[in-house]
Amino acid sequence: MRIVQNKRKRTDLDIIYEILNALKNGPLPKTKLIYKANLAYVISQKYIPYLEEVGAIKKDNDLYYITSKGMEIHQLLGIYRSKVKEIKQILDSLKEKIDDKNG
């Protein structure tokens, strides 16, 4: 049996984390936010308005700010990402054990 992990580059949660991470050190104009979060413009058109709608970020005078709710979401996503990394390491270990023909 072959165990296959998802090879998709970034999930929705990864993108949200990157946007919030870009803003946690201070406000940014949209262009710099897109650059720091490593987003394509088209992708930013989906996520930035969504994060504004849920109250994680706000726009004031052409600058985007992270809100206290956004900081909480960022912290939780950081925990989530570390847990996902742990699970991937466990899956890699399992795969090695399952695929080991000598053991």
C-alpha atoms as a PDB file:
ATOM      1  CA  MET A   1       0.000   0.000   0.000  1.00  0.00           C
ATOM      2  CA  ARG A   2       1.269   3.467  -0.820  1.00  0.00           C
ATOM      3  CA  ILE A   3       0.635   6.424   1.491  1.00  0.00           C
ATOM      4  CA  VAL A   4       0.455   9.695  -0.465  1.00  0.00           C
ATOM      5  CA  GLN A   5       0.462  13.137   1.093  1.00  0.00           C
ATOM      6  CA  ASN A   6      -1.213  16.169  -0.407  1.00  0.00           C
ATOM      7  CA  LYS A   7       1.319  17.891  -2.704  1.00  0.00           C
ATOM      8  CA  ARG A   8      -0.661  21.120  -3.030  1.00  0.00           C
ATOM      9  CA  LYS A   9       1.576  24.109  -2.402  1.00  0.00           C
ATOM     10  CA  ARG A  10      -0.499  26.256  -0.019  1.00  0.00           C
ATOM     11  CA  THR A  11      -3.872  25.739   1.533  1.00  0.00           C
ATOM     12  CA  ASP A  12      -6.394  28.510   2.196  1.00  0.00           C
ATOM     13  CA  LEU A  13      -5.245  28.525   5.814  1.00  0.00           C
ATOM     14  CA  ASP A  14      -1.608  28.849   4.740  1.00  0.00           C
ATOM     15  CA  ILE A  15      -2.466  31.888   2.625  1.00  0.00           C
ATOM     16  CA  ILE A  16      -4.445  33.489   5.448  1.00  0.00           C
ATOM     17  CA  TYR A  17      -1.533  32.856   7.818  1.00  0.00           C
ATOM     18  CA  GLU A  18       0.929  34.478   5.386  1.00  0.00           C
ATOM     19  CA  ILE A  19      -1.247  37.584   4.986  1.00  0.00           C
ATOM     20  CA  LEU A  20      -1.634  37.980   8.736  1.00  0.00           C
ATOM     21  CA  ASN A  21       2.057  37.261   9.249  1.00  0.00           C
ATOM     22  CA  ALA A  22       2.973  40.020   6.785  1.00  0.00           C
ATOM     23  CA  LEU A  23       0.876  42.496   8.786  1.00  0.00           C
ATOM     24  CA  LYS A  24       1.882  41.506  12.310  1.00  0.00           C
ATOM     25  CA  ASN A  25       4.896  43.856  12.311  1.00  0.00           C
ATOM     26  CA  GLY A  26       2.928  46.877  11.192  1.00  0.00           C
ATOM     27  CA  PRO A  27       0.617  48.283   8.539  1.00  0.00           C
ATOM     28  CA  LEU A  28       1.337  47.871   4.848  1.00  0.00           C
ATOM     29  CA  PRO A  29      -0.051  49.229   1.596  1.00  0.00           C
ATOM     30  CA  LYS A  30      -1.732  46.600  -0.565  1.00  0.00           C
ATOM     31  CA  THR A  31       1.191  46.198  -2.982  1.00  0.00           C
ATOM     32  CA  LYS A  32       3.683  45.507  -0.187  1.00  0.00           C
ATOM     33  CA  LEU A  33       1.214  43.213   1.552  1.00  0.00           C
ATOM     34  CA  ILE A  34       0.807  41.156  -1.622  1.00  0.00           C
ATOM     35  CA  TYR A  35       4.589  41.011  -2.026  1.00  0.00           C
ATOM     36  CA  LYS A  36       5.338  40.064   1.605  1.00  0.00           C
ATOM     37  CA  ALA A  37       2.616  37.395   1.649  1.00  0.00           C
ATOM     38  CA  ASN A  38       3.908  36.059  -1.688  1.00  0.00           C
ATOM     39  CA  LEU A  39       0.515  36.325  -3.367  1.00  0.00           C
ATOM     40  CA  ALA A  40      -0.577  36.706  -6.937  1.00  0.00           C
ATOM     41  CA  TYR A  41      -2.801  39.751  -7.391  1.00  0.00           C
ATOM     42  CA  VAL A  42      -5.766  37.559  -8.374  1.00  0.00           C
ATOM     43  CA  ILE A  43      -5.401  35.501  -5.193  1.00  0.00           C
ATOM     44  CA  SER A  44      -5.191  38.664  -3.084  1.00  0.00           C
ATOM     45  CA  GLN A  45      -8.564  39.757  -4.505  1.00  0.00           C
ATOM     46  CA  LYS A  46     -10.126  36.729  -2.811  1.00  0.00           C
ATOM     47  CA  TYR A  47      -8.395  36.684   0.566  1.00  0.00           C
ATOM     48  CA  ILE A  48      -7.897  40.341   1.519  1.00  0.00           C
ATOM     49  CA  PRO A  49     -11.612  41.242   1.276  1.00  0.00           C
ATOM     50  CA  TYR A  50     -12.487  38.026   3.129  1.00  0.00           C
ATOM     51  CA  LEU A  51     -10.124  38.883   5.997  1.00  0.00           C
ATOM     52  CA  GLU A  52     -11.603  42.385   6.145  1.00  0.00           C
ATOM     53  CA  GLU A  53     -15.121  40.924   6.227  1.00  0.00           C
ATOM     54  CA  VAL A  54     -14.354  38.631   9.169  1.00  0.00           C
ATOM     55  CA  GLY A  55     -12.569  41.424  11.039  1.00  0.00           C
ATOM     56  CA  ALA A  56      -9.053  39.971  10.958  1.00  0.00           C
ATOM     57  CA  ILE A  57      -7.627  42.969   9.080  1.00  0.00           C
ATOM     58  CA  LYS A  58      -8.784  46.515   8.424  1.00  0.00           C
ATOM     59  CA  LYS A  59      -7.947  49.157   5.848  1.00  0.00           C
ATOM     60  CA  ASP A  60      -7.350  52.772   6.792  1.00  0.00           C
ATOM     61  CA  ASN A  61      -5.902  55.404   4.435  1.00  0.00           C
ATOM     62  CA  ASP A  62      -4.629  52.830   1.921  1.00  0.00           C
ATOM     63  CA  LEU A  63      -2.842  50.855   4.652  1.00  0.00           C
ATOM     64  CA  TYR A  64      -3.849  47.430   5.917  1.00  0.00           C
ATOM     65  CA  TYR A  65      -3.634  46.638   9.629  1.00  0.00           C
ATOM     66  CA  ILE A  66      -4.013  43.403  11.547  1.00  0.00           C
ATOM     67  CA  THR A  67      -6.693  43.563  14.247  1.00  0.00           C
ATOM     68  CA  SER A  68      -6.631  41.894  17.656  1.00  0.00           C
ATOM     69  CA  LYS A  69      -8.903  39.210  16.198  1.00  0.00           C
ATOM     70  CA  GLY A  70      -6.409  38.796  13.368  1.00  0.00           C
ATOM     71  CA  MET A  71      -3.581  38.378  15.874  1.00  0.00           C
ATOM     72  CA  GLU A  72      -5.574  35.642  17.642  1.00  0.00           C
ATOM     73  CA  ILE A  73      -6.252  33.898  14.324  1.00  0.00           C
ATOM     74  CA  HIS A  74      -2.563  34.202  13.401  1.00  0.00           C
ATOM     75  CA  GLN A  75      -1.538  32.606  16.697  1.00  0.00           C
ATOM     76  CA  LEU A  76      -4.002  29.728  16.292  1.00  0.00           C
ATOM     77  CA  LEU A  77      -2.908  29.162  12.703  1.00  0.00           C
ATOM     78  CA  GLY A  78       0.692  29.011  13.896  1.00  0.00           C
ATOM     79  CA  ILE A  79      -0.248  26.240  16.315  1.00  0.00           C
ATOM     80  CA  TYR A  80      -2.237  24.484  13.599  1.00  0.00           C
ATOM     81  CA  ARG A  81       0.693  24.644  11.167  1.00  0.00           C
ATOM     82  CA  SER A  82       3.096  23.159  13.710  1.00  0.00           C
ATOM     83  CA  LYS A  83       0.648  20.311  14.401  1.00  0.00           C
ATOM     84  CA  VAL A  84       0.297  19.642  10.666  1.00  0.00           C
ATOM     85  CA  LYS A  85       4.081  19.504  10.405  1.00  0.00           C
ATOM     86  CA  GLU A  86       4.193  16.984  13.284  1.00  0.00           C
ATOM     87  CA  ILE A  87       1.542  14.841  11.592  1.00  0.00           C
ATOM     88  CA  LYS A  88       3.467  14.912   8.305  1.00  0.00           C
ATOM     89  CA  GLN A  89       6.576  13.714  10.152  1.00  0.00           C
ATOM     90  CA  ILE A  90       4.564  10.882  11.707  1.00  0.00           C
ATOM     91  CA  LEU A  91       3.185   9.942   8.274  1.00  0.00           C
ATOM     92  CA  ASP A  92       6.705   9.922   6.840  1.00  0.00           C
ATOM     93  CA  SER A  93       7.810   7.571   9.640  1.00  0.00           C
ATOM     94  CA  LEU A  94       4.797   5.348   9.031  1.00  0.00           C
ATOM     95  CA  LYS A  95       5.518   5.272   5.319  1.00  0.00           C
ATOM     96  CA  GLU A  96       9.109   4.224   5.981  1.00  0.00           C
ATOM     97  CA  LYS A  97       7.951   1.434   8.290  1.00  0.00           C
ATOM     98  CA  ILE A  98       5.235   0.212   5.936  1.00  0.00           C
ATOM     99  CA  ASP A  99       7.461   0.361   2.840  1.00  0.00           C
ATOM    100  CA  ASP A 100      10.419  -1.307   4.614  1.00  0.00           C
ATOM    101  CA  LYS A 101      10.688  -4.718   2.977  1.00  0.00           C
ATOM    102  CA  ASN A 102      13.324  -5.944   5.459  1.00  0.00           C
ATOM    103  CA  GLY A 103      11.541  -5.160   8.707  1.00  0.00           C
END
